[in-house]
Protein backbone atom coordinates (compact mmCIF):
# COMPACT_ATOMS: atom_id res chain seq x y z
CA UNK A 1 -25.10 -140.41 -5.86
CA UNK A 2 -28.38 -141.21 -7.52
CA UNK A 3 -29.90 -143.02 -4.55
CA UNK A 4 -28.71 -140.74 -1.75
CA UNK A 5 -31.86 -141.04 0.34
CA UNK A 6 -31.61 -144.82 0.23
CA UNK A 7 -27.95 -144.67 1.29
CA UNK A 8 -28.94 -142.39 4.16
CA UNK A 9 -31.61 -144.85 5.32
CA UNK A 10 -29.15 -147.75 5.09
CA UNK A 11 -26.50 -145.79 7.02
CA UNK A 12 -29.05 -144.93 9.72
CA UNK A 13 -30.00 -148.61 10.02
CA UNK A 14 -26.37 -149.73 10.28
CA UNK A 15 -25.63 -147.07 12.90
CA UNK A 16 -28.68 -147.88 15.03
CA UNK A 17 -28.11 -151.63 14.85
CA UNK A 18 -24.39 -151.31 15.50
CA UNK A 19 -24.82 -149.06 18.52
CA UNK A 20 -27.62 -151.18 19.97
CA UNK A 21 -25.83 -154.51 19.55
CA UNK A 22 -22.22 -153.38 19.95
CA UNK A 23 -21.40 -154.46 16.40
CA UNK A 24 -18.74 -151.86 15.67
CA UNK A 25 -18.32 -153.10 12.09
CA UNK A 26 -21.88 -151.85 11.46
CA UNK A 27 -20.99 -148.47 12.94
CA UNK A 28 -17.91 -148.33 10.68
CA UNK A 29 -20.08 -149.15 7.67
CA UNK A 30 -22.51 -146.39 8.63
CA UNK A 31 -19.63 -143.96 9.06
CA UNK A 32 -18.30 -144.78 5.61
CA UNK A 33 -21.73 -144.18 4.05
CA UNK A 34 -22.24 -140.88 5.90
CA UNK A 35 -18.81 -139.64 4.82
CA UNK A 36 -19.64 -140.43 1.19
CA UNK A 37 -22.96 -138.62 1.53
CA UNK A 38 -21.23 -135.52 2.94
CA UNK A 39 -19.35 -135.22 -0.35
CA UNK A 40 -22.64 -134.45 -2.10
CA UNK A 41 -24.01 -130.91 -1.83
CA UNK A 42 -27.59 -132.02 -1.11
CA UNK A 43 -26.40 -134.16 1.84
CA UNK A 44 -23.69 -131.86 3.19
CA UNK A 45 -25.96 -130.65 5.97
CA UNK A 46 -26.23 -130.70 9.77
CA UNK A 47 -28.33 -133.87 10.05
CA UNK A 48 -25.69 -135.90 8.20
CA UNK A 49 -22.83 -134.20 10.09
CA UNK A 50 -24.58 -135.13 13.33
CA UNK A 51 -24.81 -138.78 12.29
CA UNK A 52 -21.18 -138.84 11.17
CA UNK A 53 -20.06 -137.33 14.47
CA UNK A 54 -22.23 -139.80 16.39
CA UNK A 55 -20.46 -142.70 14.65
CA UNK A 56 -17.05 -141.27 15.57
CA UNK A 57 -18.28 -140.77 19.13
CA UNK A 58 -19.54 -144.36 19.39
CA UNK A 59 -16.28 -145.74 18.00
CA UNK A 60 -14.21 -143.59 20.37
CA UNK A 61 -16.15 -144.82 23.39
CA UNK A 62 -16.18 -148.44 22.21
CA UNK A 63 -14.31 -150.88 24.43
CA UNK A 64 -13.00 -152.44 21.22
CA UNK A 65 -11.09 -149.39 19.95
CA UNK A 66 -7.97 -150.88 18.29
CA UNK A 67 -5.50 -148.44 19.83
CA UNK A 68 -5.16 -145.34 21.97
CA UNK A 69 -4.27 -143.37 18.85
CA UNK A 70 -7.41 -144.57 17.06
CA UNK A 71 -9.49 -143.59 20.08
CA UNK A 72 -7.95 -140.09 20.12
CA UNK A 73 -8.54 -139.66 16.38
CA UNK A 74 -12.17 -140.73 16.79
CA UNK A 75 -12.62 -138.39 19.77
CA UNK A 76 -11.23 -135.44 17.81
CA UNK A 77 -13.31 -136.29 14.71
CA UNK A 78 -16.44 -136.49 16.88
CA UNK A 79 -15.67 -133.14 18.50
CA UNK A 80 -15.10 -131.49 15.10
CA UNK A 81 -18.37 -132.92 13.80
CA UNK A 82 -20.49 -131.90 16.76
CA UNK A 83 -18.88 -128.45 16.80
CA UNK A 84 -19.72 -128.12 13.12
CA UNK A 85 -23.36 -128.87 13.92
CA UNK A 86 -23.29 -126.47 16.86
CA UNK A 87 -21.76 -123.76 14.69
CA UNK A 88 -24.49 -124.10 12.09
CA UNK A 89 -27.56 -125.01 14.14
CA UNK A 90 -26.80 -123.92 17.68
CA UNK A 91 -29.00 -125.53 20.31
CA UNK A 92 -29.01 -129.13 19.16
CA UNK A 93 -29.48 -131.26 22.26
CA UNK A 94 -27.69 -134.32 20.85
CA UNK A 95 -24.67 -132.31 19.74
CA UNK A 96 -24.42 -130.37 23.01
CA UNK A 97 -24.79 -133.48 25.16
CA UNK A 98 -22.18 -135.33 23.13
CA UNK A 99 -19.79 -132.36 23.26
CA UNK A 100 -20.12 -132.29 27.04
CA UNK A 101 -19.25 -135.99 27.25
CA UNK A 102 -16.38 -135.64 24.81
CA UNK A 103 -14.84 -132.63 26.56
CA UNK A 104 -14.97 -134.53 29.84
CA UNK A 105 -13.34 -137.54 28.15
CA UNK A 106 -10.46 -135.47 26.72
CA UNK A 107 -10.13 -133.41 29.92
CA UNK A 108 -10.87 -130.06 28.30
CA UNK A 109 -12.69 -128.28 31.12
CA UNK A 110 -12.43 -124.90 29.40
CA UNK A 111 -14.29 -126.08 26.29
CA UNK A 112 -16.77 -127.95 28.47
CA UNK A 113 -17.59 -124.77 30.38
CA UNK A 114 -17.77 -122.78 27.14
CA UNK A 115 -20.22 -125.31 25.72
CA UNK A 116 -22.37 -125.23 28.84
CA UNK A 117 -22.31 -121.43 29.02
CA UNK A 118 -23.23 -120.97 25.37
CA UNK A 119 -26.51 -122.84 25.76
CA UNK A 120 -26.09 -123.85 22.15
CA UNK A 121 -25.84 -120.44 20.53
CA UNK A 122 -24.07 -120.73 17.18
CA UNK A 123 -20.43 -119.88 17.55
CA UNK A 124 -18.98 -116.88 15.81
CA UNK A 125 -16.62 -117.95 13.02
CA UNK A 126 -12.99 -117.95 14.06
CA UNK A 127 -10.72 -115.52 12.28
CA UNK A 128 -7.91 -117.21 10.40
């Protein structure tokens, strides 16, 4: 993507406007742009992952979520994204705060306590 920085700025503007005004179409547009950016090596980084996860989080918590299944998919995508940031960066306040909210929303007290206890330390990679 030749104009990646421009796309990032546009995505940020759509996300901010959508979240501020409740225009979920704008948040969806931002999400689409962030996901395209993540496909490029120079943009496959924690700041973009954080923005992508924030879009999923906003859509999951939106009162206009089209279905319970869509909400669950958005919740899980947000959790994966914020955990990815946490695994790479560690103590990112936005990611940790969002993870706390998301684990409360999905009723996962164990993961909530783990997140709180870790104080943001990067997680050890899971053995597969």
